[in-house]
Amino acid sequence: MIFNIDEYEDLDEEQIERLKIIISLATELHGDAHLAKLWVQESVYGLGGKRPVDMISNKEDFEMVCDLLGRLKHGIPT
């Protein structure tokens, strides 16, 4: 599935900003924006099987995604 921000038109401004941050961090990790956009839509083991795109509704879940990306970037086991 290819990422399309238009599919998320029901997101509020804060959720859109969180999504942009996650995509940016994932792009740094993967070195490719396309792979990052795919990653945010995938079920992620380190997030208990949740998709990062589904974790932007609240600050706690958003921070979990950012923490995971930071750990992965620095090679810290998850």
PDB file of N, CA and C in Angstrom:
ATOM      1  N   MET A   1       0.849  -1.175   0.000  1.00  0.00           N
ATOM      2  CA  MET A   1       0.000   0.000   0.000  1.00  0.00           C
ATOM      3  C   MET A   1       0.896   1.240   0.000  1.00  0.00           C
ATOM      4  N   ILE A   2       0.607   2.177  -0.849  1.00  0.00           N
ATOM      5  CA  ILE A   2       1.377   3.405  -0.920  1.00  0.00           C
ATOM      6  C   ILE A   2       0.716   4.458  -0.044  1.00  0.00           C
ATOM      7  N   PHE A   3       1.528   5.173   0.708  1.00  0.00           N
ATOM      8  CA  PHE A   3       1.057   6.189   1.633  1.00  0.00           C
ATOM      9  C   PHE A   3       0.433   7.349   0.878  1.00  0.00           C
ATOM     10  N   ASN A   4      -0.741   7.764   1.332  1.00  0.00           N
ATOM     11  CA  ASN A   4      -1.429   8.894   0.730  1.00  0.00           C
ATOM     12  C   ASN A   4      -2.029   9.720   1.859  1.00  0.00           C
ATOM     13  N   ILE A   5      -1.479  10.909   2.099  1.00  0.00           N
ATOM     14  CA  ILE A   5      -1.949  11.758   3.191  1.00  0.00           C
ATOM     15  C   ILE A   5      -3.428  12.106   3.038  1.00  0.00           C
ATOM     16  N   ASP A   6      -3.956  12.099   1.809  1.00  0.00           N
ATOM     17  CA  ASP A   6      -5.365  12.401   1.588  1.00  0.00           C
ATOM     18  C   ASP A   6      -6.281  11.375   2.250  1.00  0.00           C
ATOM     19  N   GLU A   7      -5.756  10.168   2.469  1.00  0.00           N
ATOM     20  CA  GLU A   7      -6.551   9.145   3.145  1.00  0.00           C
ATOM     21  C   GLU A   7      -6.775   9.503   4.609  1.00  0.00           C
ATOM     22  N   TYR A   8      -6.011  10.458   5.086  1.00  0.00           N
ATOM     23  CA  TYR A   8      -6.076  10.822   6.501  1.00  0.00           C
ATOM     24  C   TYR A   8      -6.621  12.231   6.679  1.00  0.00           C
ATOM     25  N   GLU A   9      -7.548  12.623   5.818  1.00  0.00           N
ATOM     26  CA  GLU A   9      -8.090  13.979   5.863  1.00  0.00           C
ATOM     27  C   GLU A   9      -8.898  14.254   7.133  1.00  0.00           C
ATOM     28  N   ASP A  10      -9.266  13.212   7.873  1.00  0.00           N
ATOM     29  CA  ASP A  10     -10.011  13.410   9.098  1.00  0.00           C
ATOM     30  C   ASP A  10      -9.103  13.693  10.298  1.00  0.00           C
ATOM     31  N   LEU A  11      -7.793  13.755  10.066  1.00  0.00           N
ATOM     32  CA  LEU A  11      -6.855  14.039  11.139  1.00  0.00           C
ATOM     33  C   LEU A  11      -6.876  15.525  11.473  1.00  0.00           C
ATOM     34  N   ASP A  12      -6.686  15.818  12.759  1.00  0.00           N
ATOM     35  CA  ASP A  12      -6.577  17.227  13.124  1.00  0.00           C
ATOM     36  C   ASP A  12      -5.139  17.697  12.902  1.00  0.00           C
ATOM     37  N   GLU A  13      -4.913  18.964  13.078  1.00  0.00           N
ATOM     38  CA  GLU A  13      -3.612  19.570  12.786  1.00  0.00           C
ATOM     39  C   GLU A  13      -2.485  18.935  13.610  1.00  0.00           C
ATOM     40  N   GLU A  14      -2.755  18.675  14.866  1.00  0.00           N
ATOM     41  CA  GLU A  14      -1.741  18.079  15.742  1.00  0.00           C
ATOM     42  C   GLU A  14      -1.376  16.667  15.286  1.00  0.00           C
ATOM     43  N   GLN A  15      -2.366  15.889  14.877  1.00  0.00           N
ATOM     44  CA  GLN A  15      -2.110  14.541  14.392  1.00  0.00           C
ATOM     45  C   GLN A  15      -1.309  14.557  13.093  1.00  0.00           C
ATOM     46  N   ILE A  16      -1.590  15.508  12.225  1.00  0.00           N
ATOM     47  CA  ILE A  16      -0.835  15.629  10.973  1.00  0.00           C
ATOM     48  C   ILE A  16       0.624  15.956  11.282  1.00  0.00           C
ATOM     49  N   GLU A  17       0.854  16.859  12.227  1.00  0.00           N
ATOM     50  CA  GLU A  17       2.227  17.206  12.608  1.00  0.00           C
ATOM     51  C   GLU A  17       2.940  15.992  13.193  1.00  0.00           C
ATOM     52  N   ARG A  18       2.248  15.225  14.021  1.00  0.00           N
ATOM     53  CA  ARG A  18       2.852  14.012  14.595  1.00  0.00           C
ATOM     54  C   ARG A  18       3.217  13.020  13.497  1.00  0.00           C
ATOM     55  N   LEU A  19       2.331  12.853  12.536  1.00  0.00           N
ATOM     56  CA  LEU A  19       2.587  11.939  11.425  1.00  0.00           C
ATOM     57  C   LEU A  19       3.804  12.396  10.627  1.00  0.00           C
ATOM     58  N   LYS A  20       3.898  13.695  10.379  1.00  0.00           N
ATOM     59  CA  LYS A  20       5.052  14.231   9.655  1.00  0.00           C
ATOM     60  C   LYS A  20       6.349  13.964  10.416  1.00  0.00           C
ATOM     61  N   ILE A  21       6.316  14.118  11.733  1.00  0.00           N
ATOM     62  CA  ILE A  21       7.508  13.871  12.560  1.00  0.00           C
ATOM     63  C   ILE A  21       7.902  12.402  12.478  1.00  0.00           C
ATOM     64  N   ILE A  22       6.921  11.515  12.598  1.00  0.00           N
ATOM     65  CA  ILE A  22       7.217  10.078  12.535  1.00  0.00           C
ATOM     66  C   ILE A  22       7.798   9.710  11.171  1.00  0.00           C
ATOM     67  N   ILE A  23       7.232  10.248  10.102  1.00  0.00           N
ATOM     68  CA  ILE A  23       7.751   9.963   8.765  1.00  0.00           C
ATOM     69  C   ILE A  23       9.180  10.494   8.619  1.00  0.00           C
ATOM     70  N   SER A  24       9.439  11.661   9.168  1.00  0.00           N
ATOM     71  CA  SER A  24      10.781  12.231   9.104  1.00  0.00           C
ATOM     72  C   SER A  24      11.785  11.355   9.863  1.00  0.00           C
ATOM     73  N   LEU A  25      11.423  10.931  11.065  1.00  0.00           N
ATOM     74  CA  LEU A  25      12.313  10.067  11.852  1.00  0.00           C
ATOM     75  C   LEU A  25      12.524   8.723  11.162  1.00  0.00           C
ATOM     76  N   ALA A  26      11.450   8.183  10.595  1.00  0.00           N
ATOM     77  CA  ALA A  26      11.559   6.897   9.902  1.00  0.00           C
ATOM     78  C   ALA A  26      12.395   7.034   8.631  1.00  0.00           C
ATOM     79  N   THR A  27      12.328   8.187   7.986  1.00  0.00           N
ATOM     80  CA  THR A  27      13.149   8.436   6.801  1.00  0.00           C
ATOM     81  C   THR A  27      14.625   8.464   7.183  1.00  0.00           C
ATOM     82  N   GLU A  28      14.947   9.095   8.317  1.00  0.00           N
ATOM     83  CA  GLU A  28      16.328   9.094   8.804  1.00  0.00           C
ATOM     84  C   GLU A  28      16.804   7.668   9.058  1.00  0.00           C
ATOM     85  N   LEU A  29      15.946   6.859   9.640  1.00  0.00           N
ATOM     86  CA  LEU A  29      16.293   5.476   9.968  1.00  0.00           C
ATOM     87  C   LEU A  29      16.479   4.630   8.717  1.00  0.00           C
ATOM     88  N   HIS A  30      15.537   4.713   7.809  1.00  0.00           N
ATOM     89  CA  HIS A  30      15.545   3.853   6.622  1.00  0.00           C
ATOM     90  C   HIS A  30      16.349   4.436   5.460  1.00  0.00           C
ATOM     91  N   GLY A  31      16.625   5.752   5.522  1.00  0.00           N
ATOM     92  CA  GLY A  31      17.369   6.391   4.450  1.00  0.00           C
ATOM     93  C   GLY A  31      16.573   6.570   3.171  1.00  0.00           C
ATOM     94  N   ASP A  32      15.257   6.421   3.272  1.00  0.00           N
ATOM     95  CA  ASP A  32      14.410   6.493   2.076  1.00  0.00           C
ATOM     96  C   ASP A  32      12.996   6.882   2.506  1.00  0.00           C
ATOM     97  N   ALA A  33      12.486   7.971   1.957  1.00  0.00           N
ATOM     98  CA  ALA A  33      11.157   8.458   2.335  1.00  0.00           C
ATOM     99  C   ALA A  33      10.057   7.467   1.969  1.00  0.00           C
ATOM    100  N   HIS A  34      10.207   6.808   0.822  1.00  0.00           N
ATOM    101  CA  HIS A  34       9.187   5.841   0.401  1.00  0.00           C
ATOM    102  C   HIS A  34       9.106   4.680   1.398  1.00  0.00           C
ATOM    103  N   LEU A  35      10.262   4.155   1.788  1.00  0.00           N
ATOM    104  CA  LEU A  35      10.273   3.070   2.782  1.00  0.00           C
ATOM    105  C   LEU A  35       9.700   3.530   4.116  1.00  0.00           C
ATOM    106  N   ALA A  36       9.998   4.759   4.487  1.00  0.00           N
ATOM    107  CA  ALA A  36       9.471   5.302   5.741  1.00  0.00           C
ATOM    108  C   ALA A  36       7.948   5.381   5.698  1.00  0.00           C
ATOM    109  N   LYS A  37       7.410   5.826   4.581  1.00  0.00           N
ATOM    110  CA  LYS A  37       5.955   5.943   4.447  1.00  0.00           C
ATOM    111  C   LYS A  37       5.287   4.575   4.462  1.00  0.00           C
ATOM    112  N   LEU A  38       5.959   3.588   3.917  1.00  0.00           N
ATOM    113  CA  LEU A  38       5.426   2.229   3.992  1.00  0.00           C
ATOM    114  C   LEU A  38       5.483   1.713   5.431  1.00  0.00           C
ATOM    115  N   TRP A  39       6.601   2.012   6.116  1.00  0.00           N
ATOM    116  CA  TRP A  39       6.797   1.537   7.493  1.00  0.00           C
ATOM    117  C   TRP A  39       5.703   2.042   8.424  1.00  0.00           C
ATOM    118  N   VAL A  40       5.286   3.303   8.275  1.00  0.00           N
ATOM    119  CA  VAL A  40       4.275   3.849   9.190  1.00  0.00           C
ATOM    120  C   VAL A  40       2.931   3.146   9.035  1.00  0.00           C
ATOM    121  N   GLN A  41       2.748   2.438   7.936  1.00  0.00           N
ATOM    122  CA  GLN A  41       1.485   1.741   7.691  1.00  0.00           C
ATOM    123  C   GLN A  41       1.533   0.254   8.039  1.00  0.00           C
ATOM    124  N   GLU A  42       2.719  -0.222   8.423  1.00  0.00           N
ATOM    125  CA  GLU A  42       2.904  -1.640   8.729  1.00  0.00           C
ATOM    126  C   GLU A  42       2.707  -1.919  10.218  1.00  0.00           C
ATOM    127  N   SER A  43       2.300  -3.121  10.520  1.00  0.00           N
ATOM    128  CA  SER A  43       2.256  -3.592  11.894  1.00  0.00           C
ATOM    129  C   SER A  43       3.702  -3.739  12.368  1.00  0.00           C
ATOM    130  N   VAL A  44       4.030  -3.145  13.508  1.00  0.00           N
ATOM    131  CA  VAL A  44       5.403  -3.111  13.994  1.00  0.00           C
ATOM    132  C   VAL A  44       5.518  -3.919  15.287  1.00  0.00           C
ATOM    133  N   TYR A  45       6.394  -4.910  15.266  1.00  0.00           N
ATOM    134  CA  TYR A  45       6.592  -5.784  16.425  1.00  0.00           C
ATOM    135  C   TYR A  45       6.913  -4.984  17.687  1.00  0.00           C
ATOM    136  N   GLY A  46       7.808  -4.018  17.571  1.00  0.00           N
ATOM    137  CA  GLY A  46       8.238  -3.224  18.720  1.00  0.00           C
ATOM    138  C   GLY A  46       7.151  -2.331  19.291  1.00  0.00           C
ATOM    139  N   LEU A  47       6.028  -2.228  18.589  1.00  0.00           N
ATOM    140  CA  LEU A  47       4.880  -1.452  19.060  1.00  0.00           C
ATOM    141  C   LEU A  47       3.712  -2.373  19.401  1.00  0.00           C
ATOM    142  N   GLY A  48       4.016  -3.606  19.693  1.00  0.00           N
ATOM    143  CA  GLY A  48       2.971  -4.559  20.060  1.00  0.00           C
ATOM    144  C   GLY A  48       2.060  -4.908  18.899  1.00  0.00           C
ATOM    145  N   GLY A  49       2.587  -4.824  17.683  1.00  0.00           N
ATOM    146  CA  GLY A  49       1.796  -5.165  16.504  1.00  0.00           C
ATOM    147  C   GLY A  49       0.952  -4.020  15.968  1.00  0.00           C
ATOM    148  N   LYS A  50       1.051  -2.865  16.595  1.00  0.00           N
ATOM    149  CA  LYS A  50       0.285  -1.704  16.123  1.00  0.00           C
ATOM    150  C   LYS A  50       1.004  -1.036  14.952  1.00  0.00           C
ATOM    151  N   ARG A  51       0.231  -0.312  14.153  1.00  0.00           N
ATOM    152  CA  ARG A  51       0.795   0.473  13.059  1.00  0.00           C
ATOM    153  C   ARG A  51       1.114   1.875  13.594  1.00  0.00           C
ATOM    154  N   PRO A  52       2.295   2.410  13.278  1.00  0.00           N
ATOM    155  CA  PRO A  52       2.625   3.754  13.748  1.00  0.00           C
ATOM    156  C   PRO A  52       1.581   4.803  13.369  1.00  0.00           C
ATOM    157  N   VAL A  53       1.018   4.706  12.182  1.00  0.00           N
ATOM    158  CA  VAL A  53       0.014   5.678  11.737  1.00  0.00           C
ATOM    159  C   VAL A  53      -1.218   5.662  12.648  1.00  0.00           C
ATOM    160  N   ASP A  54      -1.462   4.553  13.322  1.00  0.00           N
ATOM    161  CA  ASP A  54      -2.603   4.463  14.229  1.00  0.00           C
ATOM    162  C   ASP A  54      -2.267   4.961  15.631  1.00  0.00           C
ATOM    163  N   MET A  55      -1.031   5.402  15.826  1.00  0.00           N
ATOM    164  CA  MET A  55      -0.587   5.799  17.164  1.00  0.00           C
ATOM    165  C   MET A  55      -0.307   7.302  17.261  1.00  0.00           C
ATOM    166  N   ILE A  56      -0.972   8.079  16.443  1.00  0.00           N
ATOM    167  CA  ILE A  56      -0.751   9.524  16.467  1.00  0.00           C
ATOM    168  C   ILE A  56      -1.881  10.271  17.169  1.00  0.00           C
ATOM    169  N   SER A  57      -2.860   9.551  17.664  1.00  0.00           N
ATOM    170  CA  SER A  57      -4.022  10.186  18.282  1.00  0.00           C
ATOM    171  C   SER A  57      -3.710  10.830  19.616  1.00  0.00           C
ATOM    172  N   ASN A  58      -2.797  10.211  20.355  1.00  0.00           N
ATOM    173  CA  ASN A  58      -2.472  10.790  21.656  1.00  0.00           C
ATOM    174  C   ASN A  58      -0.964  10.861  21.849  1.00  0.00           C
ATOM    175  N   LYS A  59      -0.564  11.741  22.737  1.00  0.00           N
ATOM    176  CA  LYS A  59       0.853  12.032  22.940  1.00  0.00           C
ATOM    177  C   LYS A  59       1.628  10.811  23.428  1.00  0.00           C
ATOM    178  N   GLU A  60       1.034  10.018  24.304  1.00  0.00           N
ATOM    179  CA  GLU A  60       1.723   8.844  24.859  1.00  0.00           C
ATOM    180  C   GLU A  60       2.077   7.835  23.766  1.00  0.00           C
ATOM    181  N   ASP A  61       1.126   7.505  22.913  1.00  0.00           N
ATOM    182  CA  ASP A  61       1.393   6.562  21.822  1.00  0.00           C
ATOM    183  C   ASP A  61       2.399   7.137  20.829  1.00  0.00           C
ATOM    184  N   PHE A  62       2.245   8.411  20.508  1.00  0.00           N
ATOM    185  CA  PHE A  62       3.168   9.091  19.599  1.00  0.00           C
ATOM    186  C   PHE A  62       4.599   9.006  20.143  1.00  0.00           C
ATOM    187  N   GLU A  63       4.761   9.259  21.427  1.00  0.00           N
ATOM    188  CA  GLU A  63       6.092   9.200  22.038  1.00  0.00           C
ATOM    189  C   GLU A  63       6.659   7.784  22.023  1.00  0.00           C
ATOM    190  N   MET A  64       5.790   6.777  22.125  1.00  0.00           N
ATOM    191  CA  MET A  64       6.249   5.388  22.027  1.00  0.00           C
ATOM    192  C   MET A  64       6.862   5.129  20.647  1.00  0.00           C
ATOM    193  N   VAL A  65       6.220   5.634  19.603  1.00  0.00           N
ATOM    194  CA  VAL A  65       6.735   5.457  18.249  1.00  0.00           C
ATOM    195  C   VAL A  65       8.074   6.173  18.104  1.00  0.00           C
ATOM    196  N   CYS A  66       8.148   7.410  18.577  1.00  0.00           N
ATOM    197  CA  CYS A  66       9.394   8.176  18.489  1.00  0.00           C
ATOM    198  C   CYS A  66      10.512   7.495  19.273  1.00  0.00           C
ATOM    199  N   ASP A  67      10.196   6.972  20.453  1.00  0.00           N
ATOM    200  CA  ASP A  67      11.197   6.259  21.257  1.00  0.00           C
ATOM    201  C   ASP A  67      11.706   5.021  20.524  1.00  0.00           C
ATOM    202  N   LEU A  68      10.788   4.280  19.915  1.00  0.00           N
ATOM    203  CA  LEU A  68      11.187   3.090  19.174  1.00  0.00           C
ATOM    204  C   LEU A  68      12.109   3.467  18.015  1.00  0.00           C
ATOM    205  N   LEU A  69      11.756   4.489  17.283  1.00  0.00           N
ATOM    206  CA  LEU A  69      12.591   4.918  16.164  1.00  0.00           C
ATOM    207  C   LEU A  69      13.978   5.345  16.652  1.00  0.00           C
ATOM    208  N   GLY A  70      14.031   6.016  17.783  1.00  0.00           N
ATOM    209  CA  GLY A  70      15.316   6.413  18.354  1.00  0.00           C
ATOM    210  C   GLY A  70      16.157   5.219  18.756  1.00  0.00           C
ATOM    211  N   ARG A  71      15.519   4.228  19.375  1.00  0.00           N
ATOM    212  CA  ARG A  71      16.244   3.013  19.777  1.00  0.00           C
ATOM    213  C   ARG A  71      16.759   2.279  18.546  1.00  0.00           C
ATOM    214  N   LEU A  72      15.936   2.151  17.523  1.00  0.00           N
ATOM    215  CA  LEU A  72      16.352   1.460  16.304  1.00  0.00           C
ATOM    216  C   LEU A  72      17.509   2.195  15.626  1.00  0.00           C
ATOM    217  N   LYS A  73      17.423   3.517  15.601  1.00  0.00           N
ATOM    218  CA  LYS A  73      18.479   4.314  14.958  1.00  0.00           C
ATOM    219  C   LYS A  73      19.827   4.115  15.643  1.00  0.00           C
ATOM    220  N   HIS A  74      19.796   3.960  16.962  1.00  0.00           N
ATOM    221  CA  HIS A  74      21.036   3.834  17.732  1.00  0.00           C
ATOM    222  C   HIS A  74      21.394   2.371  18.036  1.00  0.00           C
ATOM    223  N   GLY A  75      20.644   1.432  17.444  1.00  0.00           N
ATOM    224  CA  GLY A  75      20.966   0.021  17.602  1.00  0.00           C
ATOM    225  C   GLY A  75      20.656  -0.545  18.969  1.00  0.00           C
ATOM    226  N   ILE A  76      19.741   0.090  19.696  1.00  0.00           N
ATOM    227  CA  ILE A  76      19.353  -0.399  21.017  1.00  0.00           C
ATOM    228  C   ILE A  76      18.253  -1.435  20.844  1.00  0.00           C
ATOM    229  N   PRO A  77      18.426  -2.618  21.421  1.00  0.00           N
ATOM    230  CA  PRO A  77      17.403  -3.658  21.279  1.00  0.00           C
ATOM    231  C   PRO A  77      16.030  -3.186  21.764  1.00  0.00           C
ATOM    232  N   THR A  78      15.018  -3.649  21.061  1.00  0.00           N
ATOM    233  CA  THR A  78      13.659  -3.249  21.420  1.00  0.00           C
ATOM    234  C   THR A  78      12.932  -4.350  22.125  1.00  0.00           C
TER     235      THR A  78
END
